[in-house]
């Protein structure tokens, strides 16, 4: 699997993408945020807004919280 061509963050160690709309990779070095370290970057291609890229620096705690929220709608 290759990094989507629209993803501008070539510094990430690319992991995977979904439907060529989202991708995730490891940050080259963890970034401190509040009291934790973010070690991933999640990028979303927003086709509806002219292919602007929405990106978040996240950690595993953020991922587990997102999973918990998404499970309520499945």
Protein backbone atom coordinates (compact mmCIF):
# COMPACT_ATOMS: atom_id res chain seq x y z
CA UNK A 1 0.00 0.00 0.00
CA UNK A 2 1.35 3.42 -0.95
CA UNK A 3 0.89 6.88 0.50
CA UNK A 4 -1.95 8.71 -1.33
CA UNK A 5 -0.62 11.27 -3.80
CA UNK A 6 -2.70 14.02 -2.16
CA UNK A 7 -1.00 13.60 1.27
CA UNK A 8 1.44 16.52 1.79
CA UNK A 9 3.24 15.06 4.83
CA UNK A 10 6.18 13.21 3.32
CA UNK A 11 7.96 13.23 6.68
CA UNK A 12 5.54 10.65 8.16
CA UNK A 13 6.36 6.97 8.15
CA UNK A 14 3.22 6.00 6.19
CA UNK A 15 1.19 3.08 7.60
CA UNK A 16 -2.10 2.77 5.71
CA UNK A 17 -4.98 4.56 3.98
CA UNK A 18 -8.71 3.99 3.59
CA UNK A 19 -10.70 4.58 0.39
CA UNK A 20 -7.99 7.03 -0.73
CA UNK A 21 -9.63 9.62 1.56
CA UNK A 22 -7.77 9.09 4.85
CA UNK A 23 -4.25 8.04 5.73
CA UNK A 24 -2.20 7.59 8.87
CA UNK A 25 1.51 7.48 9.59
CA UNK A 26 4.03 7.74 12.40
CA UNK A 27 5.38 11.22 13.06
CA UNK A 28 9.16 11.48 12.53
CA UNK A 29 9.44 12.45 16.20
CA UNK A 30 6.69 12.54 18.84
CA UNK A 31 5.15 15.96 19.45
CA UNK A 32 4.22 16.99 23.00
CA UNK A 33 0.60 18.07 23.45
CA UNK A 34 -0.81 18.79 26.90
CA UNK A 35 0.55 15.99 29.11
CA UNK A 36 1.14 13.35 26.45
CA UNK A 37 3.02 12.72 23.23
CA UNK A 38 1.34 12.53 19.84
CA UNK A 39 3.10 9.97 17.68
CA UNK A 40 0.73 9.59 14.70
CA UNK A 41 -0.70 11.89 12.05
CA UNK A 42 -4.17 11.27 10.60
CA UNK A 43 -4.90 13.07 7.32
CA UNK A 44 -8.29 13.40 5.64
CA UNK A 45 -8.79 14.63 2.07
CA UNK A 46 -11.86 16.88 2.16
CA UNK A 47 -13.10 16.57 -1.41
CA UNK A 48 -16.12 18.73 -0.66
CA UNK A 49 -13.91 21.73 0.18
CA UNK A 50 -11.61 21.59 -2.80
CA UNK A 51 -9.30 18.85 -1.53
CA UNK A 52 -8.08 20.74 1.52
CA UNK A 53 -6.20 18.36 3.81
CA UNK A 54 -7.42 18.15 7.39
CA UNK A 55 -4.72 16.63 9.58
CA UNK A 56 -4.52 15.74 13.25
CA UNK A 57 -1.60 14.71 15.39
CA UNK A 58 -2.88 11.95 17.65
CA UNK A 59 -1.81 9.24 20.09
CA UNK A 60 -3.20 5.82 21.01
CA UNK A 61 -5.41 7.32 23.73
CA UNK A 62 -7.05 9.57 21.14
CA UNK A 63 -7.61 6.56 18.90
CA UNK A 64 -9.28 4.54 21.67
CA UNK A 65 -11.55 7.48 22.51
CA UNK A 66 -12.54 7.84 18.85
CA UNK A 67 -13.26 4.11 18.60
CA UNK A 68 -15.48 4.33 21.69
CA UNK A 69 -17.45 7.21 20.15
CA UNK A 70 -17.79 5.55 16.73
CA UNK A 71 -19.05 2.30 18.28
CA UNK A 72 -22.13 4.16 19.48
CA UNK A 73 -23.26 4.69 15.87
CA UNK A 74 -22.66 1.16 14.58
